[in-house]
Amino acid sequence: MIRLYLDEDSMSHSLVSALRGQGVEVLTAFEAGLIQASDEEQIAFATSKGAAIYSFNVSDFYRIHAERLRGGKSHTGIILCQQQQYSIGEQLRRLMKLLGALTELEMVDRVEFLSAWD
C-alpha cells in the first residue's frame, strides 16, 4: 500500500489516527521535525521515505511536480486537496479509495487530486 507523508497543512490528528486505524503507514511533518520546512524540502523528504505527500498546498506542489519532471527529478507521488473542501471522514474515504486503486509504483511522478476520487 502507498505510504503517506502529511505536510503541516494537512496533518490533522483525527485524519492521521483514522488512516493509521485503516492500516495506512503515515508520517507527518511534525513527526519528521519538518514544521516550517520549504515545500521542496517536504517533497524531498517524502520521496526519500518512499511516501506520497498529501497537501492542501495545491498550486505550489503542482508547480514543484512540473519543475521536478522538467529537471529529471523523480518523486513518489503527490495527492492534493483544496483546504477545507472535505470533512475528515470524507478525506479518509477518498484517500482510502485512492490507496486501494493505485500502487506505489503507479504513484511515482504522479499528481492525484482528491476531488477525482468520489
PDB file of N, CA and C in Angstrom:
ATOM      1  N   MET A   1       0.847  -1.190   0.000  1.00  0.00           N
ATOM      2  CA  MET A   1       0.000   0.000   0.000  1.00  0.00           C
ATOM      3  C   MET A   1       0.887   1.247   0.000  1.00  0.00           C
ATOM      4  N   ILE A   2       0.396   2.271  -0.614  1.00  0.00           N
ATOM      5  CA  ILE A   2       1.099   3.554  -0.678  1.00  0.00           C
ATOM      6  C   ILE A   2       1.253   4.116   0.735  1.00  0.00           C
ATOM      7  N   ARG A   3       2.462   4.531   1.062  1.00  0.00           N
ATOM      8  CA  ARG A   3       2.709   5.220   2.333  1.00  0.00           C
ATOM      9  C   ARG A   3       2.402   6.703   2.127  1.00  0.00           C
ATOM     10  N   LEU A   4       1.982   7.378   3.187  1.00  0.00           N
ATOM     11  CA  LEU A   4       1.640   8.797   3.093  1.00  0.00           C
ATOM     12  C   LEU A   4       2.510   9.638   4.010  1.00  0.00           C
ATOM     13  N   TYR A   5       2.847  10.812   3.512  1.00  0.00           N
ATOM     14  CA  TYR A   5       3.507  11.846   4.303  1.00  0.00           C
ATOM     15  C   TYR A   5       2.594  13.053   4.263  1.00  0.00           C
ATOM     16  N   LEU A   6       2.138  13.508   5.427  1.00  0.00           N
ATOM     17  CA  LEU A   6       1.239  14.657   5.505  1.00  0.00           C
ATOM     18  C   LEU A   6       2.026  15.891   5.906  1.00  0.00           C
ATOM     19  N   ASP A   7       1.975  16.913   5.053  1.00  0.00           N
ATOM     20  CA  ASP A   7       2.680  18.150   5.384  1.00  0.00           C
ATOM     21  C   ASP A   7       1.934  18.877   6.498  1.00  0.00           C
ATOM     22  N   GLU A   8       2.493  19.996   6.944  1.00  0.00           N
ATOM     23  CA  GLU A   8       1.919  20.647   8.125  1.00  0.00           C
ATOM     24  C   GLU A   8       0.523  21.197   7.895  1.00  0.00           C
ATOM     25  N   ASP A   9       0.145  21.469   6.647  1.00  0.00           N
ATOM     26  CA  ASP A   9      -1.203  21.965   6.369  1.00  0.00           C
ATOM     27  C   ASP A   9      -2.255  20.871   6.475  1.00  0.00           C
ATOM     28  N   SER A  10      -1.888  19.652   6.127  1.00  0.00           N
ATOM     29  CA  SER A  10      -2.876  18.569   6.038  1.00  0.00           C
ATOM     30  C   SER A  10      -2.846  17.596   7.207  1.00  0.00           C
ATOM     31  N   MET A  11      -1.942  17.794   8.170  1.00  0.00           N
ATOM     32  CA  MET A  11      -1.722  16.771   9.193  1.00  0.00           C
ATOM     33  C   MET A  11      -2.674  16.861  10.392  1.00  0.00           C
ATOM     34  N   SER A  12      -3.934  16.738  10.145  1.00  0.00           N
ATOM     35  CA  SER A  12      -4.931  16.694  11.211  1.00  0.00           C
ATOM     36  C   SER A  12      -4.728  15.424  12.042  1.00  0.00           C
ATOM     37  N   HIS A  13      -4.731  15.587  13.368  1.00  0.00           N
ATOM     38  CA  HIS A  13      -4.578  14.433  14.257  1.00  0.00           C
ATOM     39  C   HIS A  13      -5.670  13.395  13.996  1.00  0.00           C
ATOM     40  N   SER A  14      -6.882  13.858  13.785  1.00  0.00           N
ATOM     41  CA  SER A  14      -8.003  12.944  13.534  1.00  0.00           C
ATOM     42  C   SER A  14      -7.803  12.150  12.250  1.00  0.00           C
ATOM     43  N   LEU A  15      -7.331  12.811  11.199  1.00  0.00           N
ATOM     44  CA  LEU A  15      -7.100  12.122   9.930  1.00  0.00           C
ATOM     45  C   LEU A  15      -5.958  11.124  10.069  1.00  0.00           C
ATOM     46  N   VAL A  16      -4.886  11.534  10.715  1.00  0.00           N
ATOM     47  CA  VAL A  16      -3.744  10.632  10.914  1.00  0.00           C
ATOM     48  C   VAL A  16      -4.183   9.389  11.681  1.00  0.00           C
ATOM     49  N   SER A  17      -4.926   9.575  12.752  1.00  0.00           N
ATOM     50  CA  SER A  17      -5.413   8.440  13.548  1.00  0.00           C
ATOM     51  C   SER A  17      -6.322   7.532  12.735  1.00  0.00           C
ATOM     52  N   ALA A  18      -7.210   8.133  11.958  1.00  0.00           N
ATOM     53  CA  ALA A  18      -8.139   7.352  11.143  1.00  0.00           C
ATOM     54  C   ALA A  18      -7.392   6.551  10.073  1.00  0.00           C
ATOM     55  N   LEU A  19      -6.415   7.174   9.419  1.00  0.00           N
ATOM     56  CA  LEU A  19      -5.627   6.463   8.410  1.00  0.00           C
ATOM     57  C   LEU A  19      -4.854   5.305   9.037  1.00  0.00           C
ATOM     58  N   ARG A  20      -4.217   5.566  10.156  1.00  0.00           N
ATOM     59  CA  ARG A  20      -3.473   4.504  10.840  1.00  0.00           C
ATOM     60  C   ARG A  20      -4.403   3.384  11.286  1.00  0.00           C
ATOM     61  N   GLY A  21      -5.617   3.747  11.678  1.00  0.00           N
ATOM     62  CA  GLY A  21      -6.607   2.745  12.051  1.00  0.00           C
ATOM     63  C   GLY A  21      -7.002   1.840  10.892  1.00  0.00           C
ATOM     64  N   GLN A  22      -6.829   2.341   9.685  1.00  0.00           N
ATOM     65  CA  GLN A  22      -7.103   1.566   8.474  1.00  0.00           C
ATOM     66  C   GLN A  22      -5.859   0.834   7.966  1.00  0.00           C
ATOM     67  N   GLY A  23      -4.772   0.915   8.723  1.00  0.00           N
ATOM     68  CA  GLY A  23      -3.554   0.199   8.352  1.00  0.00           C
ATOM     69  C   GLY A  23      -2.629   0.947   7.418  1.00  0.00           C
ATOM     70  N   VAL A  24      -2.876   2.244   7.227  1.00  0.00           N
ATOM     71  CA  VAL A  24      -2.036   3.048   6.342  1.00  0.00           C
ATOM     72  C   VAL A  24      -0.807   3.514   7.117  1.00  0.00           C
ATOM     73  N   GLU A  25       0.349   3.379   6.507  1.00  0.00           N
ATOM     74  CA  GLU A  25       1.585   3.893   7.104  1.00  0.00           C
ATOM     75  C   GLU A  25       1.634   5.393   6.846  1.00  0.00           C
ATOM     76  N   VAL A  26       1.604   6.184   7.915  1.00  0.00           N
ATOM     77  CA  VAL A  26       1.541   7.639   7.816  1.00  0.00           C
ATOM     78  C   VAL A  26       2.672   8.265   8.623  1.00  0.00           C
ATOM     79  N   LEU A  27       3.302   9.258   8.026  1.00  0.00           N
ATOM     80  CA  LEU A  27       4.303  10.064   8.711  1.00  0.00           C
ATOM     81  C   LEU A  27       3.903  11.521   8.522  1.00  0.00           C
ATOM     82  N   THR A  28       4.052  12.330   9.568  1.00  0.00           N
ATOM     83  CA  THR A  28       3.669  13.741   9.468  1.00  0.00           C
ATOM     84  C   THR A  28       4.908  14.640   9.511  1.00  0.00           C
ATOM     85  N   ALA A  29       4.726  15.856   9.054  1.00  0.00           N
ATOM     86  CA  ALA A  29       5.802  16.846   9.109  1.00  0.00           C
ATOM     87  C   ALA A  29       6.237  17.084  10.551  1.00  0.00           C
ATOM     88  N   PHE A  30       5.306  17.058  11.474  1.00  0.00           N
ATOM     89  CA  PHE A  30       5.641  17.230  12.889  1.00  0.00           C
ATOM     90  C   PHE A  30       6.547  16.103  13.369  1.00  0.00           C
ATOM     91  N   GLU A  31       6.163  14.863  13.076  1.00  0.00           N
ATOM     92  CA  GLU A  31       6.957  13.709  13.486  1.00  0.00           C
ATOM     93  C   GLU A  31       8.343  13.714  12.853  1.00  0.00           C
ATOM     94  N   ALA A  32       8.427  14.241  11.644  1.00  0.00           N
ATOM     95  CA  ALA A  32       9.695  14.281  10.919  1.00  0.00           C
ATOM     96  C   ALA A  32      10.554  15.482  11.309  1.00  0.00           C
ATOM     97  N   GLY A  33       9.999  16.379  12.131  1.00  0.00           N
ATOM     98  CA  GLY A  33      10.738  17.581  12.511  1.00  0.00           C
ATOM     99  C   GLY A  33      10.872  18.576  11.374  1.00  0.00           C
ATOM    100  N   LEU A  34       9.867  18.594  10.487  1.00  0.00           N
ATOM    101  CA  LEU A  34       9.936  19.459   9.306  1.00  0.00           C
ATOM    102  C   LEU A  34       8.883  20.569   9.294  1.00  0.00           C
ATOM    103  N   ILE A  35       8.403  20.955  10.468  1.00  0.00           N
ATOM    104  CA  ILE A  35       7.479  22.086  10.527  1.00  0.00           C
ATOM    105  C   ILE A  35       8.233  23.320  10.031  1.00  0.00           C
ATOM    106  N   GLN A  36       7.597  24.070   9.171  1.00  0.00           N
ATOM    107  CA  GLN A  36       8.135  25.286   8.551  1.00  0.00           C
ATOM    108  C   GLN A  36       9.260  25.009   7.547  1.00  0.00           C
ATOM    109  N   ALA A  37       9.470  23.745   7.165  1.00  0.00           N
ATOM    110  CA  ALA A  37      10.427  23.447   6.094  1.00  0.00           C
ATOM    111  C   ALA A  37       9.801  23.880   4.768  1.00  0.00           C
ATOM    112  N   SER A  38      10.641  24.124   3.778  1.00  0.00           N
ATOM    113  CA  SER A  38      10.129  24.539   2.463  1.00  0.00           C
ATOM    114  C   SER A  38       9.388  23.378   1.801  1.00  0.00           C
ATOM    115  N   ASP A  39       8.556  23.704   0.837  1.00  0.00           N
ATOM    116  CA  ASP A  39       7.824  22.669   0.107  1.00  0.00           C
ATOM    117  C   ASP A  39       8.792  21.715  -0.589  1.00  0.00           C
ATOM    118  N   GLU A  40       9.890  22.254  -1.121  1.00  0.00           N
ATOM    119  CA  GLU A  40      10.896  21.418  -1.781  1.00  0.00           C
ATOM    120  C   GLU A  40      11.518  20.435  -0.792  1.00  0.00           C
ATOM    121  N   GLU A  41      11.772  20.907   0.444  1.00  0.00           N
ATOM    122  CA  GLU A  41      12.306  20.011   1.470  1.00  0.00           C
ATOM    123  C   GLU A  41      11.274  18.943   1.841  1.00  0.00           C
ATOM    124  N   GLN A  42      10.015  19.333   1.883  1.00  0.00           N
ATOM    125  CA  GLN A  42       8.950  18.387   2.225  1.00  0.00           C
ATOM    126  C   GLN A  42       8.869  17.266   1.192  1.00  0.00           C
ATOM    127  N   ILE A  43       8.877  17.622  -0.089  1.00  0.00           N
ATOM    128  CA  ILE A  43       8.744  16.587  -1.120  1.00  0.00           C
ATOM    129  C   ILE A  43      10.014  15.742  -1.218  1.00  0.00           C
ATOM    130  N   ALA A  44      11.157  16.347  -0.988  1.00  0.00           N
ATOM    131  CA  ALA A  44      12.404  15.575  -0.990  1.00  0.00           C
ATOM    132  C   ALA A  44      12.392  14.560   0.151  1.00  0.00           C
ATOM    133  N   PHE A  45      11.908  14.971   1.315  1.00  0.00           N
ATOM    134  CA  PHE A  45      11.832  14.055   2.455  1.00  0.00           C
ATOM    135  C   PHE A  45      10.852  12.928   2.165  1.00  0.00           C
ATOM    136  N   ALA A  46       9.659  13.274   1.691  1.00  0.00           N
ATOM    137  CA  ALA A  46       8.657  12.247   1.383  1.00  0.00           C
ATOM    138  C   ALA A  46       9.222  11.238   0.388  1.00  0.00           C
ATOM    139  N   THR A  47       9.898  11.738  -0.635  1.00  0.00           N
ATOM    140  CA  THR A  47      10.477  10.860  -1.643  1.00  0.00           C
ATOM    141  C   THR A  47      11.550   9.962  -1.031  1.00  0.00           C
ATOM    142  N   SER A  48      12.361  10.519  -0.146  1.00  0.00           N
ATOM    143  CA  SER A  48      13.407   9.710   0.497  1.00  0.00           C
ATOM    144  C   SER A  48      12.810   8.589   1.342  1.00  0.00           C
ATOM    145  N   LYS A  49      11.582   8.776   1.818  1.00  0.00           N
ATOM    146  CA  LYS A  49      10.893   7.773   2.629  1.00  0.00           C
ATOM    147  C   LYS A  49       9.975   6.880   1.793  1.00  0.00           C
ATOM    148  N   GLY A  50       9.917   7.121   0.480  1.00  0.00           N
ATOM    149  CA  GLY A  50       9.061   6.318  -0.387  1.00  0.00           C
ATOM    150  C   GLY A  50       7.585   6.561  -0.163  1.00  0.00           C
ATOM    151  N   ALA A  51       7.251   7.780   0.252  1.00  0.00           N
ATOM    152  CA  ALA A  51       5.862   8.116   0.572  1.00  0.00           C
ATOM    153  C   ALA A  51       5.317   9.164  -0.388  1.00  0.00           C
ATOM    154  N   ALA A  52       4.036   9.074  -0.665  1.00  0.00           N
ATOM    155  CA  ALA A  52       3.347  10.123  -1.418  1.00  0.00           C
ATOM    156  C   ALA A  52       3.002  11.235  -0.437  1.00  0.00           C
ATOM    157  N   ILE A  53       3.178  12.466  -0.857  1.00  0.00           N
ATOM    158  CA  ILE A  53       2.855  13.592   0.014  1.00  0.00           C
ATOM    159  C   ILE A  53       1.396  13.979  -0.193  1.00  0.00           C
ATOM    160  N   TYR A  54       0.715  14.274   0.917  1.00  0.00           N
ATOM    161  CA  TYR A  54      -0.660  14.748   0.888  1.00  0.00           C
ATOM    162  C   TYR A  54      -0.651  16.171   1.397  1.00  0.00           C
ATOM    163  N   SER A  55      -1.219  17.090   0.593  1.00  0.00           N
ATOM    164  CA  SER A  55      -1.149  18.500   0.944  1.00  0.00           C
ATOM    165  C   SER A  55      -2.374  19.261   0.452  1.00  0.00           C
ATOM    166  N   PHE A  56      -2.649  20.367   1.143  1.00  0.00           N
ATOM    167  CA  PHE A  56      -3.663  21.319   0.695  1.00  0.00           C
ATOM    168  C   PHE A  56      -3.036  22.428  -0.149  1.00  0.00           C
ATOM    169  N   ASN A  57      -1.731  22.420  -0.268  1.00  0.00           N
ATOM    170  CA  ASN A  57      -0.995  23.461  -0.977  1.00  0.00           C
ATOM    171  C   ASN A  57      -0.959  23.126  -2.475  1.00  0.00           C
ATOM    172  N   VAL A  58      -2.103  23.239  -3.120  1.00  0.00           N
ATOM    173  CA  VAL A  58      -2.296  22.767  -4.489  1.00  0.00           C
ATOM    174  C   VAL A  58      -1.368  23.451  -5.484  1.00  0.00           C
ATOM    175  N   SER A  59      -1.375  24.766  -5.526  1.00  0.00           N
ATOM    176  CA  SER A  59      -0.611  25.456  -6.578  1.00  0.00           C
ATOM    177  C   SER A  59       0.891  25.241  -6.439  1.00  0.00           C
ATOM    178  N   ASP A  60       1.416  25.325  -5.225  1.00  0.00           N
ATOM    179  CA  ASP A  60       2.863  25.165  -5.054  1.00  0.00           C
ATOM    180  C   ASP A  60       3.318  23.744  -5.373  1.00  0.00           C
ATOM    181  N   PHE A  61       2.601  22.731  -4.898  1.00  0.00           N
ATOM    182  CA  PHE A  61       3.042  21.360  -5.162  1.00  0.00           C
ATOM    183  C   PHE A  61       2.827  20.955  -6.611  1.00  0.00           C
ATOM    184  N   TYR A  62       1.812  21.498  -7.269  1.00  0.00           N
ATOM    185  CA  TYR A  62       1.664  21.201  -8.700  1.00  0.00           C
ATOM    186  C   TYR A  62       2.826  21.818  -9.479  1.00  0.00           C
ATOM    187  N   ARG A  63       3.222  23.027  -9.085  1.00  0.00           N
ATOM    188  CA  ARG A  63       4.374  23.677  -9.725  1.00  0.00           C
ATOM    189  C   ARG A  63       5.647  22.870  -9.482  1.00  0.00           C
ATOM    190  N   ILE A  64       5.851  22.423  -8.255  1.00  0.00           N
ATOM    191  CA  ILE A  64       7.037  21.638  -7.923  1.00  0.00           C
ATOM    192  C   ILE A  64       7.051  20.336  -8.726  1.00  0.00           C
ATOM    193  N   HIS A  65       5.908  19.717  -8.869  1.00  0.00           N
ATOM    194  CA  HIS A  65       5.793  18.495  -9.682  1.00  0.00           C
ATOM    195  C   HIS A  65       6.313  18.756 -11.095  1.00  0.00           C
ATOM    196  N   ALA A  66       5.823  19.820 -11.719  1.00  0.00           N
ATOM    197  CA  ALA A  66       6.231  20.136 -13.089  1.00  0.00           C
ATOM    198  C   ALA A  66       7.731  20.455 -13.162  1.00  0.00           C
ATOM    199  N   GLU A  67       8.225  21.215 -12.198  1.00  0.00           N
ATOM    200  CA  GLU A  67       9.651  21.562 -12.179  1.00  0.00           C
ATOM    201  C   GLU A  67      10.533  20.332 -12.005  1.00  0.00           C
ATOM    202  N   ARG A  68      10.129  19.434 -11.128  1.00  0.00           N
ATOM    203  CA  ARG A  68      10.921  18.219 -10.901  1.00  0.00           C
ATOM    204  C   ARG A  68      10.962  17.365 -12.153  1.00  0.00           C
ATOM    205  N   LEU A  69       9.831  17.226 -12.829  1.00  0.00           N
ATOM    206  CA  LEU A  69       9.814  16.422 -14.046  1.00  0.00           C
ATOM    207  C   LEU A  69      10.675  17.049 -15.141  1.00  0.00           C
ATOM    208  N   ARG A  70      10.583  18.368 -15.285  1.00  0.00           N
ATOM    209  CA  ARG A  70      11.429  19.064 -16.285  1.00  0.00           C
ATOM    210  C   ARG A  70      12.909  18.907 -15.959  1.00  0.00           C
ATOM    211  N   GLY A  71      13.233  18.884 -14.670  1.00  0.00           N
ATOM    212  CA  GLY A  71      14.624  18.780 -14.241  1.00  0.00           C
ATOM    213  C   GLY A  71      15.132  17.356 -14.118  1.00  0.00           C
ATOM    214  N   GLY A  72      14.302  16.378 -14.467  1.00  0.00           N
ATOM    215  CA  GLY A  72      14.715  14.987 -14.398  1.00  0.00           C
ATOM    216  C   GLY A  72      14.750  14.413 -12.992  1.00  0.00           C
ATOM    217  N   LYS A  73      14.066  15.083 -12.052  1.00  0.00           N
ATOM    218  CA  LYS A  73      13.992  14.601 -10.671  1.00  0.00           C
ATOM    219  C   LYS A  73      12.654  13.911 -10.454  1.00  0.00           C
ATOM    220  N   SER A  74      12.717  12.744  -9.892  1.00  0.00           N
ATOM    221  CA  SER A  74      11.517  11.972  -9.635  1.00  0.00           C
ATOM    222  C   SER A  74      10.934  12.312  -8.265  1.00  0.00           C
ATOM    223  N   HIS A  75       9.693  11.918  -8.045  1.00  0.00           N
ATOM    224  CA  HIS A  75       9.083  11.977  -6.711  1.00  0.00           C
ATOM    225  C   HIS A  75       8.159  10.783  -6.570  1.00  0.00           C
ATOM    226  N   THR A  76       7.758  10.493  -5.356  1.00  0.00           N
ATOM    227  CA  THR A  76       6.968   9.286  -5.092  1.00  0.00           C
ATOM    228  C   THR A  76       5.469   9.552  -5.013  1.00  0.00           C
ATOM    229  N   GLY A  77       5.045  10.658  -5.576  1.00  0.00           N
ATOM    230  CA  GLY A  77       3.618  10.938  -5.686  1.00  0.00           C
ATOM    231  C   GLY A  77       3.163  12.120  -4.851  1.00  0.00           C
ATOM    232  N   ILE A  78       2.176  12.807  -5.380  1.00  0.00           N
ATOM    233  CA  ILE A  78       1.592  13.970  -4.722  1.00  0.00           C
ATOM    234  C   ILE A  78       0.073  13.822  -4.785  1.00  0.00           C
ATOM    235  N   ILE A  79      -0.568  13.964  -3.632  1.00  0.00           N
ATOM    236  CA  ILE A  79      -2.029  13.954  -3.558  1.00  0.00           C
ATOM    237  C   ILE A  79      -2.451  15.321  -3.042  1.00  0.00           C
ATOM    238  N   LEU A  80      -3.283  15.992  -3.810  1.00  0.00           N
ATOM    239  CA  LEU A  80      -3.658  17.372  -3.496  1.00  0.00           C
ATOM    240  C   LEU A  80      -5.151  17.507  -3.232  1.00  0.00           C
ATOM    241  N   CYS A  81      -5.472  18.397  -2.310  1.00  0.00           N
ATOM    242  CA  CYS A  81      -6.861  18.659  -1.944  1.00  0.00           C
ATOM    243  C   CYS A  81      -6.986  20.129  -1.562  1.00  0.00           C
ATOM    244  N   GLN A  82      -8.071  20.741  -1.958  1.00  0.00           N
ATOM    245  CA  GLN A  82      -8.340  22.109  -1.529  1.00  0.00           C
ATOM    246  C   GLN A  82      -8.626  22.115  -0.039  1.00  0.00           C
ATOM    247  N   GLN A  83      -7.995  23.023   0.685  1.00  0.00           N
ATOM    248  CA  GLN A  83      -8.186  23.101   2.128  1.00  0.00           C
ATOM    249  C   GLN A  83      -9.653  23.351   2.467  1.00  0.00           C
ATOM    250  N   GLN A  84     -10.135  22.663   3.470  1.00  0.00           N
ATOM    251  CA  GLN A  84     -11.496  22.785   3.986  1.00  0.00           C
ATOM    252  C   GLN A  84     -12.566  22.392   2.972  1.00  0.00           C
ATOM    253  N   GLN A  85     -12.169  21.650   1.946  1.00  0.00           N
ATOM    254  CA  GLN A  85     -13.162  21.203   0.965  1.00  0.00           C
ATOM    255  C   GLN A  85     -13.949  20.003   1.489  1.00  0.00           C
ATOM    256  N   TYR A  86     -13.281  19.154   2.269  1.00  0.00           N
ATOM    257  CA  TYR A  86     -13.908  17.923   2.751  1.00  0.00           C
ATOM    258  C   TYR A  86     -13.719  17.758   4.254  1.00  0.00           C
ATOM    259  N   SER A  87     -14.681  17.099   4.872  1.00  0.00           N
ATOM    260  CA  SER A  87     -14.557  16.734   6.278  1.00  0.00           C
ATOM    261  C   SER A  87     -13.455  15.683   6.420  1.00  0.00           C
ATOM    262  N   ILE A  88     -13.052  15.413   7.651  1.00  0.00           N
ATOM    263  CA  ILE A  88     -12.054  14.374   7.904  1.00  0.00           C
ATOM    264  C   ILE A  88     -12.554  13.028   7.373  1.00  0.00           C
ATOM    265  N   GLY A  89     -13.811  12.729   7.635  1.00  0.00           N
ATOM    266  CA  GLY A  89     -14.385  11.467   7.158  1.00  0.00           C
ATOM    267  C   GLY A  89     -14.367  11.351   5.646  1.00  0.00           C
ATOM    268  N   GLU A  90     -14.677  12.440   4.969  1.00  0.00           N
ATOM    269  CA  GLU A  90     -14.674  12.430   3.506  1.00  0.00           C
ATOM    270  C   GLU A  90     -13.254  12.327   2.963  1.00  0.00           C
ATOM    271  N   GLN A  91     -12.301  13.011   3.602  1.00  0.00           N
ATOM    272  CA  GLN A  91     -10.907  12.865   3.184  1.00  0.00           C
ATOM    273  C   GLN A  91     -10.467  11.410   3.347  1.00  0.00           C
ATOM    274  N   LEU A  92     -10.803  10.809   4.471  1.00  0.00           N
ATOM    275  CA  LEU A  92     -10.442   9.417   4.725  1.00  0.00           C
ATOM    276  C   LEU A  92     -11.042   8.509   3.656  1.00  0.00           C
ATOM    277  N   ARG A  93     -12.310   8.675   3.387  1.00  0.00           N
ATOM    278  CA  ARG A  93     -12.982   7.826   2.392  1.00  0.00           C
ATOM    279  C   ARG A  93     -12.314   7.930   1.031  1.00  0.00           C
ATOM    280  N   ARG A  94     -12.054   9.156   0.605  1.00  0.00           N
ATOM    281  CA  ARG A  94     -11.446   9.368  -0.708  1.00  0.00           C
ATOM    282  C   ARG A  94      -9.992   8.879  -0.743  1.00  0.00           C
ATOM    283  N   LEU A  95      -9.246   9.144   0.319  1.00  0.00           N
ATOM    284  CA  LEU A  95      -7.863   8.649   0.363  1.00  0.00           C
ATOM    285  C   LEU A  95      -7.821   7.126   0.323  1.00  0.00           C
ATOM    286  N   MET A  96      -8.705   6.462   1.055  1.00  0.00           N
ATOM    287  CA  MET A  96      -8.722   5.002   1.066  1.00  0.00           C
ATOM    288  C   MET A  96      -9.093   4.451  -0.309  1.00  0.00           C
ATOM    289  N   LYS A  97      -9.978   5.133  -0.999  1.00  0.00           N
ATOM    290  CA  LYS A  97     -10.338   4.705  -2.358  1.00  0.00           C
ATOM    291  C   LYS A  97      -9.119   4.820  -3.277  1.00  0.00           C
ATOM    292  N   LEU A  98      -8.418   5.930  -3.193  1.00  0.00           N
ATOM    293  CA  LEU A  98      -7.204   6.141  -3.995  1.00  0.00           C
ATOM    294  C   LEU A  98      -6.138   5.098  -3.640  1.00  0.00           C
ATOM    295  N   LEU A  99      -5.888   4.910  -2.346  1.00  0.00           N
ATOM    296  CA  LEU A  99      -4.855   3.977  -1.906  1.00  0.00           C
ATOM    297  C   LEU A  99      -5.187   2.541  -2.284  1.00  0.00           C
ATOM    298  N   GLY A 100      -6.458   2.223  -2.378  1.00  0.00           N
ATOM    299  CA  GLY A 100      -6.862   0.883  -2.788  1.00  0.00           C
ATOM    300  C   GLY A 100      -6.782   0.652  -4.280  1.00  0.00           C
ATOM    301  N   ALA A 101      -6.763   1.735  -5.043  1.00  0.00           N
ATOM    302  CA  ALA A 101      -6.788   1.612  -6.504  1.00  0.00           C
ATOM    303  C   ALA A 101      -5.409   1.705  -7.151  1.00  0.00           C
ATOM    304  N   LEU A 102      -4.475   2.402  -6.501  1.00  0.00           N
ATOM    305  CA  LEU A 102      -3.163   2.629  -7.109  1.00  0.00           C
ATOM    306  C   LEU A 102      -2.062   1.979  -6.280  1.00  0.00           C
ATOM    307  N   THR A 103      -1.003   1.588  -6.960  1.00  0.00           N
ATOM    308  CA  THR A 103       0.159   1.023  -6.275  1.00  0.00           C
ATOM    309  C   THR A 103       1.208   2.113  -6.063  1.00  0.00           C
ATOM    310  N   GLU A 104       2.202   1.801  -5.228  1.00  0.00           N
ATOM    311  CA  GLU A 104       3.313   2.736  -5.029  1.00  0.00           C
ATOM    312  C   GLU A 104       3.976   3.064  -6.357  1.00  0.00           C
ATOM    313  N   LEU A 105       4.176   2.056  -7.183  1.00  0.00           N
ATOM    314  CA  LEU A 105       4.824   2.263  -8.476  1.00  0.00           C
ATOM    315  C   LEU A 105       3.985   3.175  -9.382  1.00  0.00           C
ATOM    316  N   GLU A 106       2.679   3.004  -9.342  1.00  0.00           N
ATOM    317  CA  GLU A 106       1.802   3.850 -10.158  1.00  0.00           C
ATOM    318  C   GLU A 106       1.804   5.301  -9.684  1.00  0.00           C
ATOM    319  N   MET A 107       2.113   5.547  -8.425  1.00  0.00           N
ATOM    320  CA  MET A 107       2.123   6.917  -7.891  1.00  0.00           C
ATOM    321  C   MET A 107       3.399   7.683  -8.230  1.00  0.00           C
ATOM    322  N   VAL A 108       4.445   6.996  -8.641  1.00  0.00           N
ATOM    323  CA  VAL A 108       5.714   7.676  -8.932  1.00  0.00           C
ATOM    324  C   VAL A 108       5.496   8.733 -10.011  1.00  0.00           C
ATOM    325  N   ASP A 109       5.940   9.955  -9.724  1.00  0.00           N
ATOM    326  CA  ASP A 109       5.853  11.105 -10.636  1.00  0.00           C
ATOM    327  C   ASP A 109       4.423  11.453 -11.044  1.00  0.00           C
ATOM    328  N   ARG A 110       3.486  11.129 -10.192  1.00  0.00           N
ATOM    329  CA  ARG A 110       2.070  11.350 -10.496  1.00  0.00           C
ATOM    330  C   ARG A 110       1.471  12.332  -9.494  1.00  0.00           C
ATOM    331  N   VAL A 111       0.532  13.137  -9.973  1.00  0.00           N
ATOM    332  CA  VAL A 111      -0.258  14.006  -9.107  1.00  0.00           C
ATOM    333  C   VAL A 111      -1.708  13.538  -9.189  1.00  0.00           C
ATOM    334  N   GLU A 112      -2.297  13.360  -8.026  1.00  0.00           N
ATOM    335  CA  GLU A 112      -3.718  12.997  -7.957  1.00  0.00           C
ATOM    336  C   GLU A 112      -4.435  14.073  -7.161  1.00  0.00           C
ATOM    337  N   PHE A 113      -5.623  14.412  -7.616  1.00  0.00           N
ATOM    338  CA  PHE A 113      -6.473  15.367  -6.902  1.00  0.00           C
ATOM    339  C   PHE A 113      -7.542  14.594  -6.170  1.00  0.00           C
ATOM    340  N   LEU A 114      -7.661  14.821  -4.876  1.00  0.00           N
ATOM    341  CA  LEU A 114      -8.611  14.070  -4.055  1.00  0.00           C
ATOM    342  C   LEU A 114     -10.031  14.230  -4.584  1.00  0.00           C
ATOM    343  N   SER A 115     -10.325  15.352  -5.213  1.00  0.00           N
ATOM    344  CA  SER A 115     -11.664  15.598  -5.746  1.00  0.00           C
ATOM    345  C   SER A 115     -12.053  14.582  -6.838  1.00  0.00           C
ATOM    346  N   ALA A 116     -11.070  13.939  -7.450  1.00  0.00           N
ATOM    347  CA  ALA A 116     -11.355  12.960  -8.509  1.00  0.00           C
ATOM    348  C   ALA A 116     -11.729  11.584  -7.959  1.00  0.00           C
ATOM    349  N   TRP A 117     -11.592  11.402  -6.650  1.00  0.00           N
ATOM    350  CA  TRP A 117     -11.788  10.090  -6.039  1.00  0.00           C
ATOM    351  C   TRP A 117     -13.101  10.025  -5.240  1.00  0.00           C
ATOM    352  N   ASP A 118     -14.200  10.219  -5.930  1.00  0.00           N
ATOM    353  CA  ASP A 118     -15.515  10.199  -5.295  1.00  0.00           C
ATOM    354  C   ASP A 118     -16.024   8.796  -5.113  1.00  0.00           C
TER     355      ASP A 118
END
